[in-house]
Each structure stands twice: as C-alpha cells, then as structure tokens.
Amino acid sequence: MLRILGRITSINVQKVVWCADELGLAYERTDVGGSFGGNKTPEYLALNPNGLVPTIDEDGFILYESNAIVRYLAGRYSRGSLWPEDLRRRADADRWMEWLSTALVPAMRDAFWQLVRTPADKRDLAAVEKSRAESERLVAILDTHLAKREYLTDHGFTAADIVVGCAAHRWLNLPLERLARPNVERWYGSLKARPGSRQATSQPVS
C-alpha cells in the first residue's frame, strides 16, 4: 500500500496526490506539516531528515522530494505515458520539471509568502513587485510555448503537466494583478477538467 505523508494544502503534496489520482492508485494520505505538525518528530525525521513534506512509504520503500516521487510513480505505473520510455521524450518532459524548480518556483516565492503567509501590516511590497515581475517574465515564456501545443510536450499529457500545473494553480490564484496569458489559462483549464487533478486544483492557495 502506498502511504503519502503530507498536508494536501502543500503544493508539493498536491503534485504527488495528483499523480497518484491520475494513475488510479490506491493510497492512504496522512496530514503532516503546516498546522498539523508532525514533521519534526523523531519518527518523521527518520524517514525524511529534511522535515519537509511529502514523503511516501510504499511497502517499506521511502522516498522524499516531490518531483522525484512523481517521476517514480509515473515511471512505475504509467506504462510510458506520464513518464515516456523514449529518452528524448522523457527529457522533453523533464526539462519543464527542472524549469519549475529552478526558475518559476523561486520567482513566485516572495509574492506567495508576502501575500499569503505574511500579515498585511508586515508585507514587503517591493519584494512582492519584484517577484511578480520575474514571475510574469517566466509565465510569458510558458504562454509562448503553449501557443502551439495542447500540453507542455508534443507527445501528450505527462508528469511535467502535473508539476507545472500545480504551480500554475498557485500563480493564477494569488491575490495580485496578472497579465492575461490566454494559452496558459486554456492549458490550465484543460488540466483542471481532468478527474485526476480535482484534489490538487480545488485547494485554496495557502
């Protein structure tokens, strides 16, 4: 049995839950982290010494880091669809997962923390604007890329759409003004219509 340890309001847990739901996997999820706590206990740190979520336990196989978990589940259970067997197709999907981690998530971080996690009277609005501007630059890249394709790659829906889709969910629901990105919005709408995405894309940004 697959166990997922982590609160569903975490963007990184959402990636894993969406992947598992997309694959139709049976699993148990336990709320850990955030207001639920439990991620700094000796028992949890023995599984994930970083004290972050998510962590999975599949019959004794322990794995943390959300993108690694998505790659594992997709590679193990999707028969080459979410995680292509052809190495070039796989690399095409993987590049977007890396872009998310190294570019878009860092760019959005200050806007998210200041607008969602910081009391209004303590917000650094200059940091929000810098974060917003850099995020807009990156979302424009994504929008241009999606102008000529339905999903992030030319070979259909993959794990890349799941992980970048979770970030798009956050970006499109942050309480700030955004430029219109019709291709990103169309793509996100198609992702949100997928039954497997419902737990992830129904969560408030928190």
Protein backbone atom coordinates (compact mmCIF):
# COMPACT_ATOMS: atom_id res chain seq x y z
CA MET A 1 0.00 0.00 0.00
CA LEU A 2 1.21 3.48 -0.87
CA ARG A 3 1.25 5.96 2.01
CA ILE A 4 1.58 9.68 1.35
CA LEU A 5 2.64 11.79 4.30
CA GLY A 6 1.81 15.46 3.90
CA ARG A 7 -0.99 18.02 4.04
CA ILE A 8 -2.97 18.44 0.80
CA THR A 9 -2.64 22.25 1.00
CA SER A 10 1.08 21.91 0.27
CA ILE A 11 1.88 22.45 -3.42
CA ASN A 12 4.43 19.65 -3.26
CA VAL A 13 1.95 17.21 -1.77
CA GLN A 14 -0.57 18.26 -4.43
CA LYS A 15 1.85 17.12 -7.15
CA VAL A 16 2.11 13.65 -5.65
CA VAL A 17 -1.61 13.28 -4.94
CA TRP A 18 -2.49 14.44 -8.46
CA CYS A 19 -0.04 11.93 -9.95
CA ALA A 20 -1.42 9.10 -7.81
CA ASP A 21 -5.01 10.04 -8.68
CA GLU A 22 -4.15 10.35 -12.37
CA LEU A 23 -2.78 6.80 -12.22
CA GLY A 24 -5.75 5.47 -10.26
CA LEU A 25 -3.53 4.26 -7.42
CA ALA A 26 -4.89 3.20 -4.07
CA TYR A 27 -3.19 5.09 -1.26
CA GLU A 28 -3.58 6.46 2.23
CA ARG A 29 -2.67 10.07 2.92
CA THR A 30 -1.90 11.46 6.37
CA ASP A 31 -1.90 15.18 7.17
CA VAL A 32 1.62 16.16 8.19
CA GLY A 33 3.27 19.58 8.19
CA GLY A 34 1.95 23.11 8.48
CA SER A 35 -0.68 23.50 11.18
CA PHE A 36 -0.87 19.71 11.53
CA GLY A 37 2.75 19.44 12.65
CA GLY A 38 4.34 16.03 12.96
CA ASN A 39 7.13 16.74 10.50
CA LYS A 40 9.75 17.46 13.17
CA THR A 41 9.16 14.35 15.26
CA PRO A 42 11.95 11.77 15.54
CA GLU A 43 9.72 9.27 13.73
CA TYR A 44 9.19 11.55 10.73
CA LEU A 45 12.78 12.77 10.63
CA ALA A 46 13.90 9.15 10.48
CA LEU A 47 12.00 8.93 7.17
CA ASN A 48 12.83 12.40 5.85
CA PRO A 49 15.67 14.17 7.67
CA ASN A 50 14.75 17.46 5.97
CA GLY A 51 11.49 17.58 7.91
CA LEU A 52 9.56 18.62 4.81
CA VAL A 53 6.56 17.14 3.01
CA PRO A 54 5.75 14.98 1.19
CA THR A 55 7.30 11.65 1.97
CA ILE A 56 5.98 8.38 0.62
CA ASP A 57 6.22 4.88 2.03
CA GLU A 58 5.41 2.13 -0.42
CA ASP A 59 5.77 -1.21 1.30
CA GLY A 60 8.91 -0.02 3.06
CA PHE A 61 10.37 1.97 0.16
CA ILE A 62 10.78 5.50 1.49
CA LEU A 63 11.13 8.46 -0.85
CA TYR A 64 11.01 12.22 -0.42
CA GLU A 65 11.34 15.22 -2.79
CA SER A 66 8.09 15.74 -4.67
CA ASN A 67 9.42 15.72 -8.23
CA ALA A 68 11.38 12.55 -7.54
CA ILE A 69 8.22 10.94 -6.17
CA VAL A 70 6.23 11.96 -9.26
CA ARG A 71 8.95 10.55 -11.53
CA TYR A 72 8.96 7.31 -9.54
CA LEU A 73 5.20 6.80 -9.56
CA ALA A 74 4.85 7.79 -13.21
CA GLY A 75 7.75 5.56 -14.24
CA ARG A 76 6.48 2.61 -12.23
CA TYR A 77 2.78 2.75 -13.04
CA SER A 78 2.06 4.77 -16.18
CA ARG A 79 3.48 2.37 -18.77
CA GLY A 80 5.37 5.13 -20.50
CA SER A 81 2.59 7.70 -20.76
CA LEU A 82 3.23 10.12 -17.90
CA TRP A 83 6.96 9.31 -17.98
CA PRO A 84 7.91 8.44 -21.58
CA GLU A 85 10.16 5.48 -22.24
CA ASP A 86 11.83 7.20 -25.19
CA LEU A 87 14.73 9.11 -23.66
CA ARG A 88 14.31 12.24 -25.75
CA ARG A 89 10.61 12.45 -25.00
CA ARG A 90 11.36 11.86 -21.34
CA ALA A 91 13.99 14.61 -21.34
CA ASP A 92 11.49 16.94 -23.01
CA ALA A 93 9.11 16.45 -20.09
CA ASP A 94 11.87 16.52 -17.50
CA ARG A 95 13.17 19.89 -18.65
CA TRP A 96 9.89 21.52 -17.59
CA MET A 97 10.03 19.86 -14.20
CA GLU A 98 13.52 21.28 -13.76
CA TRP A 99 12.43 24.70 -15.07
CA LEU A 100 9.71 24.73 -12.47
CA SER A 101 12.17 24.00 -9.65
CA THR A 102 14.97 26.31 -10.77
CA ALA A 103 13.01 29.21 -12.29
CA LEU A 104 9.27 29.57 -11.69
CA VAL A 105 9.01 28.43 -8.06
CA PRO A 106 11.89 30.66 -6.88
CA ALA A 107 10.41 33.60 -8.81
CA MET A 108 6.98 33.20 -7.21
CA ARG A 109 8.25 32.58 -3.71
CA ASP A 110 8.25 36.13 -2.34
CA ALA A 111 4.87 37.02 -3.81
CA PHE A 112 3.39 33.87 -2.27
CA TRP A 113 4.97 34.30 1.15
CA GLN A 114 4.25 38.00 1.41
CA LEU A 115 0.66 37.90 0.15
CA VAL A 116 -0.46 34.59 1.66
CA ARG A 117 1.70 33.85 4.69
CA THR A 118 2.58 37.35 5.96
CA PRO A 119 0.19 39.67 7.86
CA ALA A 120 -0.84 42.68 5.76
CA ASP A 121 0.89 45.20 8.03
CA LYS A 122 4.22 43.39 7.74
CA ARG A 123 4.34 42.79 3.99
CA ASP A 124 7.30 43.85 1.88
CA LEU A 125 5.53 45.23 -1.18
CA ALA A 126 8.81 45.85 -3.01
CA ALA A 127 9.60 42.16 -2.70
CA VAL A 128 6.12 41.31 -3.96
CA GLU A 129 6.57 43.51 -7.03
CA LYS A 130 9.99 42.09 -7.83
CA SER A 131 8.61 38.57 -7.50
CA ARG A 132 5.56 39.41 -9.60
CA ALA A 133 7.67 40.92 -12.40
CA GLU A 134 10.04 37.94 -12.58
CA SER A 135 7.12 35.52 -12.47
CA GLU A 136 5.42 37.40 -15.30
CA ARG A 137 8.55 37.05 -17.42
CA LEU A 138 8.59 33.31 -16.88
CA VAL A 139 4.85 32.81 -17.34
CA ALA A 140 5.22 34.67 -20.64
CA ILE A 141 7.74 32.02 -21.72
CA LEU A 142 5.25 29.33 -20.76
CA ASP A 143 2.44 31.10 -22.61
CA THR A 144 4.50 31.37 -25.80
CA HIS A 145 5.44 27.70 -25.57
CA LEU A 146 1.82 26.64 -25.13
CA ALA A 147 0.63 28.69 -28.10
CA LYS A 148 1.50 25.80 -30.43
CA ARG A 149 0.66 22.76 -28.32
CA GLU A 150 -2.05 21.36 -26.09
CA TYR A 151 0.30 20.24 -23.32
CA LEU A 152 3.87 21.02 -22.36
CA THR A 153 5.30 18.43 -24.72
CA ASP A 154 4.31 17.43 -28.23
CA HIS A 155 3.50 13.88 -27.16
CA GLY A 156 0.58 14.46 -24.82
CA PHE A 157 -0.08 14.87 -21.12
CA THR A 158 2.93 13.95 -18.96
CA ALA A 159 4.25 14.30 -15.42
CA ALA A 160 5.53 17.74 -16.45
CA ASP A 161 1.96 18.99 -16.82
CA ILE A 162 1.20 17.79 -13.31
CA VAL A 163 4.06 19.54 -11.55
CA VAL A 164 3.94 22.77 -13.58
CA GLY A 165 0.14 22.65 -13.41
CA CYS A 166 0.32 22.83 -9.61
CA ALA A 167 2.45 25.96 -9.89
CA ALA A 168 0.03 27.43 -12.42
CA HIS A 169 -2.78 26.79 -9.94
CA ARG A 170 -0.86 28.82 -7.36
CA TRP A 171 0.04 31.63 -9.77
CA LEU A 172 -3.47 32.03 -11.16
CA ASN A 173 -4.96 32.18 -7.67
CA LEU A 174 -2.53 34.53 -5.94
CA PRO A 175 -4.24 37.76 -4.84
CA LEU A 176 -2.41 40.04 -7.27
CA GLU A 177 -2.93 41.56 -10.71
CA ARG A 178 -1.64 39.46 -13.60
CA LEU A 179 -1.32 39.99 -17.31
CA ALA A 180 -3.65 37.92 -19.45
CA ARG A 181 -1.98 34.71 -20.62
CA PRO A 182 -4.58 33.03 -22.82
CA ASN A 183 -2.54 29.95 -23.64
CA VAL A 184 -1.62 29.29 -20.02
CA GLU A 185 -5.23 29.83 -19.00
CA ARG A 186 -6.52 27.48 -21.70
CA TRP A 187 -3.97 24.83 -20.72
CA TYR A 188 -4.75 25.19 -17.03
CA GLY A 189 -8.46 24.88 -17.79
CA SER A 190 -7.86 21.59 -19.58
CA LEU A 191 -5.78 20.33 -16.64
CA LYS A 192 -8.44 21.33 -14.13
CA ALA A 193 -11.03 19.38 -16.13
CA ARG A 194 -9.08 16.14 -15.65
CA PRO A 195 -10.61 13.98 -12.87
CA GLY A 196 -7.15 13.22 -11.51
CA SER A 197 -6.47 16.89 -10.81
CA ARG A 198 -9.51 17.57 -8.67
CA GLN A 199 -7.90 17.32 -5.25
CA ALA A 200 -4.96 19.47 -6.28
CA THR A 201 -6.78 22.16 -8.24
CA SER A 202 -9.61 22.57 -5.74
CA GLN A 203 -7.26 23.66 -2.95
CA PRO A 204 -7.03 27.30 -1.88
CA VAL A 205 -3.58 28.86 -2.08
CA SER A 206 -2.32 28.66 1.47
